[in-house]
Each structure stands twice: as structure tokens, then as C-alpha cells.
C-alpha atoms as a PDB file:
ATOM      1  CA  UNK A   1     -47.351  12.456-126.886  1.00  0.00           C
ATOM      2  CA  UNK A   2     -48.494  14.227-123.759  1.00  0.00           C
ATOM      3  CA  UNK A   3     -46.287  14.921-120.829  1.00  0.00           C
ATOM      4  CA  UNK A   4     -47.284  16.294-117.207  1.00  0.00           C
ATOM      5  CA  UNK A   5     -45.210  17.098-114.219  1.00  0.00           C
ATOM      6  CA  UNK A   6     -46.750  15.653-111.081  1.00  0.00           C
ATOM      7  CA  UNK A   7     -48.296  18.948-109.938  1.00  0.00           C
ATOM      8  CA  UNK A   8     -49.951  19.630-113.465  1.00  0.00           C
ATOM      9  CA  UNK A   9     -52.619  16.919-113.021  1.00  0.00           C
ATOM     10  CA  UNK A  10     -56.185  17.980-112.175  1.00  0.00           C
ATOM     11  CA  UNK A  11     -56.640  17.762-108.369  1.00  0.00           C
ATOM     12  CA  UNK A  12     -59.753  15.943-106.868  1.00  0.00           C
ATOM     13  CA  UNK A  13     -60.945  14.946-103.595  1.00  0.00           C
ATOM     14  CA  UNK A  14     -63.525  12.186-103.272  1.00  0.00           C
ATOM     15  CA  UNK A  15     -63.439  12.407 -99.352  1.00  0.00           C
ATOM     16  CA  UNK A  16     -61.134  13.498 -96.701  1.00  0.00           C
ATOM     17  CA  UNK A  17     -59.472  10.032 -97.071  1.00  0.00           C
ATOM     18  CA  UNK A  18     -59.377   9.644-100.840  1.00  0.00           C
ATOM     19  CA  UNK A  19     -57.785  12.317-102.988  1.00  0.00           C
ATOM     20  CA  UNK A  20     -55.197  12.749-105.743  1.00  0.00           C
ATOM     21  CA  UNK A  21     -54.527  14.054-109.289  1.00  0.00           C
ATOM     22  CA  UNK A  22     -55.756  12.973-112.545  1.00  0.00           C
ATOM     23  CA  UNK A  23     -54.377  13.144-116.049  1.00  0.00           C
ATOM     24  CA  UNK A  24     -56.370  12.492-119.164  1.00  0.00           C
ATOM     25  CA  UNK A  25     -55.977  13.088-122.737  1.00  0.00           C
ATOM     26  CA  UNK A  26     -59.568  11.950-123.926  1.00  0.00           C
ATOM     27  CA  UNK A  27     -62.644  10.297-122.808  1.00  0.00           C
ATOM     28  CA  UNK A  28     -61.229   6.945-123.699  1.00  0.00           C
ATOM     29  CA  UNK A  29     -58.505   6.395-120.825  1.00  0.00           C
ATOM     30  CA  UNK A  30     -57.088   8.310-117.989  1.00  0.00           C
ATOM     31  CA  UNK A  31     -54.759   7.619-115.021  1.00  0.00           C
ATOM     32  CA  UNK A  32     -54.601   9.175-111.576  1.00  0.00           C
ATOM     33  CA  UNK A  33     -52.361   9.174-108.504  1.00  0.00           C
ATOM     34  CA  UNK A  34     -54.625   8.404-105.463  1.00  0.00           C
ATOM     35  CA  UNK A  35     -53.919   8.595-101.850  1.00  0.00           C
ATOM     36  CA  UNK A  36     -55.864   6.567 -99.443  1.00  0.00           C
ATOM     37  CA  UNK A  37     -55.679   7.618 -95.734  1.00  0.00           C
ATOM     38  CA  UNK A  38     -58.503   5.628 -93.957  1.00  0.00           C
ATOM     39  CA  UNK A  39     -61.555   3.851 -95.295  1.00  0.00           C
ATOM     40  CA  UNK A  40     -63.124   4.831 -98.611  1.00  0.00           C
ATOM     41  CA  UNK A  41     -66.012   4.934 -98.969  1.00  0.00           C
ATOM     42  CA  UNK A  42     -66.779   4.826 -95.089  1.00  0.00           C
ATOM     43  CA  UNK A  43     -69.661   2.296 -94.469  1.00  0.00           C
ATOM     44  CA  UNK A  44     -70.587   1.935 -98.153  1.00  0.00           C
ATOM     45  CA  UNK A  45     -69.529   0.530-101.452  1.00  0.00           C
ATOM     46  CA  UNK A  46     -68.179   2.305-104.431  1.00  0.00           C
ATOM     47  CA  UNK A  47     -68.497   1.374-108.084  1.00  0.00           C
ATOM     48  CA  UNK A  48     -68.254   2.643-111.578  1.00  0.00           C
ATOM     49  CA  UNK A  49     -71.018   2.239-114.279  1.00  0.00           C
ATOM     50  CA  UNK A  50     -68.746   1.905-117.165  1.00  0.00           C
ATOM     51  CA  UNK A  51     -65.005   2.177-116.152  1.00  0.00           C
ATOM     52  CA  UNK A  52     -62.671  -0.872-115.996  1.00  0.00           C
ATOM     53  CA  UNK A  53     -60.036   0.097-113.354  1.00  0.00           C
ATOM     54  CA  UNK A  54     -56.561  -1.083-113.009  1.00  0.00           C
ATOM     55  CA  UNK A  55     -54.639  -0.064-109.793  1.00  0.00           C
ATOM     56  CA  UNK A  56     -51.059  -0.405-108.686  1.00  0.00           C
ATOM     57  CA  UNK A  57     -49.989   0.201-105.218  1.00  0.00           C
ATOM     58  CA  UNK A  58     -46.841   2.458-105.292  1.00  0.00           C
ATOM     59  CA  UNK A  59     -46.263   2.971-101.384  1.00  0.00           C
ATOM     60  CA  UNK A  60     -47.841   1.828 -98.011  1.00  0.00           C
ATOM     61  CA  UNK A  61     -50.179  -0.835 -97.214  1.00  0.00           C
ATOM     62  CA  UNK A  62     -53.907  -1.406 -97.001  1.00  0.00           C
ATOM     63  CA  UNK A  63     -56.753  -3.552 -98.167  1.00  0.00           C
ATOM     64  CA  UNK A  64     -59.250  -3.971-100.877  1.00  0.00           C
ATOM     65  CA  UNK A  65     -62.663  -5.441-100.154  1.00  0.00           C
ATOM     66  CA  UNK A  66     -64.910  -6.527-103.050  1.00  0.00           C
ATOM     67  CA  UNK A  67     -68.510  -7.375-102.209  1.00  0.00           C
ATOM     68  CA  UNK A  68     -68.909 -11.152-102.060  1.00  0.00           C
ATOM     69  CA  UNK A  69     -65.181 -11.892-101.955  1.00  0.00           C
ATOM     70  CA  UNK A  70     -62.551 -12.124 -99.243  1.00  0.00           C
ATOM     71  CA  UNK A  71     -60.727  -8.916 -98.200  1.00  0.00           C
ATOM     72  CA  UNK A  72     -57.276  -8.719 -99.795  1.00  0.00           C
ATOM     73  CA  UNK A  73     -54.289  -7.146 -98.021  1.00  0.00           C
ATOM     74  CA  UNK A  74     -52.315  -4.813-100.241  1.00  0.00           C
ATOM     75  CA  UNK A  75     -48.639  -3.783-100.292  1.00  0.00           C
ATOM     76  CA  UNK A  76     -46.298  -1.914-102.754  1.00  0.00           C
ATOM     77  CA  UNK A  77     -46.329  -3.641-106.130  1.00  0.00           C
ATOM     78  CA  UNK A  78     -49.581  -5.236-106.016  1.00  0.00           C
ATOM     79  CA  UNK A  79     -51.880  -4.919-109.168  1.00  0.00           C
ATOM     80  CA  UNK A  80     -55.712  -4.962-108.941  1.00  0.00           C
ATOM     81  CA  UNK A  81     -58.435  -5.090-111.758  1.00  0.00           C
ATOM     82  CA  UNK A  82     -61.964  -3.875-110.971  1.00  0.00           C
ATOM     83  CA  UNK A  83     -64.753  -4.434-113.543  1.00  0.00           C
ATOM     84  CA  UNK A  84     -67.572  -1.999-114.209  1.00  0.00           C
ATOM     85  CA  UNK A  85     -70.458  -2.266-111.558  1.00  0.00           C
ATOM     86  CA  UNK A  86     -68.139  -4.295-109.250  1.00  0.00           C
ATOM     87  CA  UNK A  87     -68.785  -2.953-105.597  1.00  0.00           C
ATOM     88  CA  UNK A  88     -65.555  -2.300-103.584  1.00  0.00           C
ATOM     89  CA  UNK A  89     -63.934  -0.473-100.688  1.00  0.00           C
ATOM     90  CA  UNK A  90     -60.275   0.655 -99.906  1.00  0.00           C
ATOM     91  CA  UNK A  91     -58.655   0.983 -96.642  1.00  0.00           C
ATOM     92  CA  UNK A  92     -55.275   1.675 -95.170  1.00  0.00           C
ATOM     93  CA  UNK A  93     -52.490   4.268 -95.804  1.00  0.00           C
ATOM     94  CA  UNK A  94     -51.184   4.002 -99.292  1.00  0.00           C
ATOM     95  CA  UNK A  95     -50.774   5.677-102.560  1.00  0.00           C
ATOM     96  CA  UNK A  96     -51.655   4.118-105.917  1.00  0.00           C
ATOM     97  CA  UNK A  97     -51.652   4.692-109.657  1.00  0.00           C
ATOM     98  CA  UNK A  98     -55.139   4.019-111.199  1.00  0.00           C
ATOM     99  CA  UNK A  99     -56.051   3.849-114.953  1.00  0.00           C
ATOM    100  CA  UNK A 100     -59.711   3.805-116.235  1.00  0.00           C
ATOM    101  CA  UNK A 101     -61.008   2.956-119.441  1.00  0.00           C
ATOM    102  CA  UNK A 102     -63.133   4.716-120.520  1.00  0.00           C
ATOM    103  CA  UNK A 103     -61.863   7.595-118.676  1.00  0.00           C
ATOM    104  CA  UNK A 104     -63.184   8.129-115.159  1.00  0.00           C
ATOM    105  CA  UNK A 105     -66.421  10.224-115.049  1.00  0.00           C
ATOM    106  CA  UNK A 106     -67.480  11.434-111.608  1.00  0.00           C
ATOM    107  CA  UNK A 107     -71.045  11.297-112.965  1.00  0.00           C
ATOM    108  CA  UNK A 108     -70.803   7.535-113.345  1.00  0.00           C
ATOM    109  CA  UNK A 109     -69.012   6.889-110.032  1.00  0.00           C
ATOM    110  CA  UNK A 110     -71.322   5.962-107.249  1.00  0.00           C
ATOM    111  CA  UNK A 111     -71.580   4.954-103.682  1.00  0.00           C
ATOM    112  CA  UNK A 112     -74.194   2.711-102.114  1.00  0.00           C
ATOM    113  CA  UNK A 113     -74.997   1.692 -98.494  1.00  0.00           C
ATOM    114  CA  UNK A 114     -73.287  -1.588 -97.333  1.00  0.00           C
ATOM    115  CA  UNK A 115     -76.712  -2.486 -95.786  1.00  0.00           C
END
């Protein structure tokens, strides 16, 4: 078993509006507490090469936009799944728990222009 206090996670910042703490035991799976305070990424799409992502909104409201799909409004308790290579954007003022498998790798997380 592994156990962390909230402040013991590894702090990260993807941008001024997307930041949090991650908790990982191996390269197989991880979990992060992420705060969104605006649009991320701004005027672009984000995607992961390999990771499957599961997200649960724990507070606040916002939206998730997936390329080619209708934007979804988000509220506390909502659960989302994003497959590898799926292009997405977040927006709003909310906190979420996100688990990735395999574990999130910044070198395999990319942004591309919305154009």
C-alpha cells in the first residue's frame, strides 16, 4: 500500500489555468488532483499518445470539448473517459481527480492548434 497526504504529491503546472498534484507508484497507473481556472489549452487541442484518462469532477462547474463532438457541461460528480489520441479541451472553474493508465508522461502529452 502507498499513502500520501494531499501536499505530498508532485506539484505540476501545465499552464496558468491548469495545475495540480500527481501521485504515482509506477509507470502503469497514476492519479492527479487537477484544477482548471479558465480554458486549457487555450485555442488548441490536448491529447495523450498512450494514456487512457478517467476524470471525476469533485467541485465547481465547467465544460469538456472533444473534437468532433458536442461540448459537454460539467458539474460535481460527473465522470469522463478520454481515449489515447482523442483531442480535447477543458474550460471553467473546477477541480477534478484524473487517473491515467499507463501513467501520465509529459513527453507523451501534446497540444495542437485548433485550426
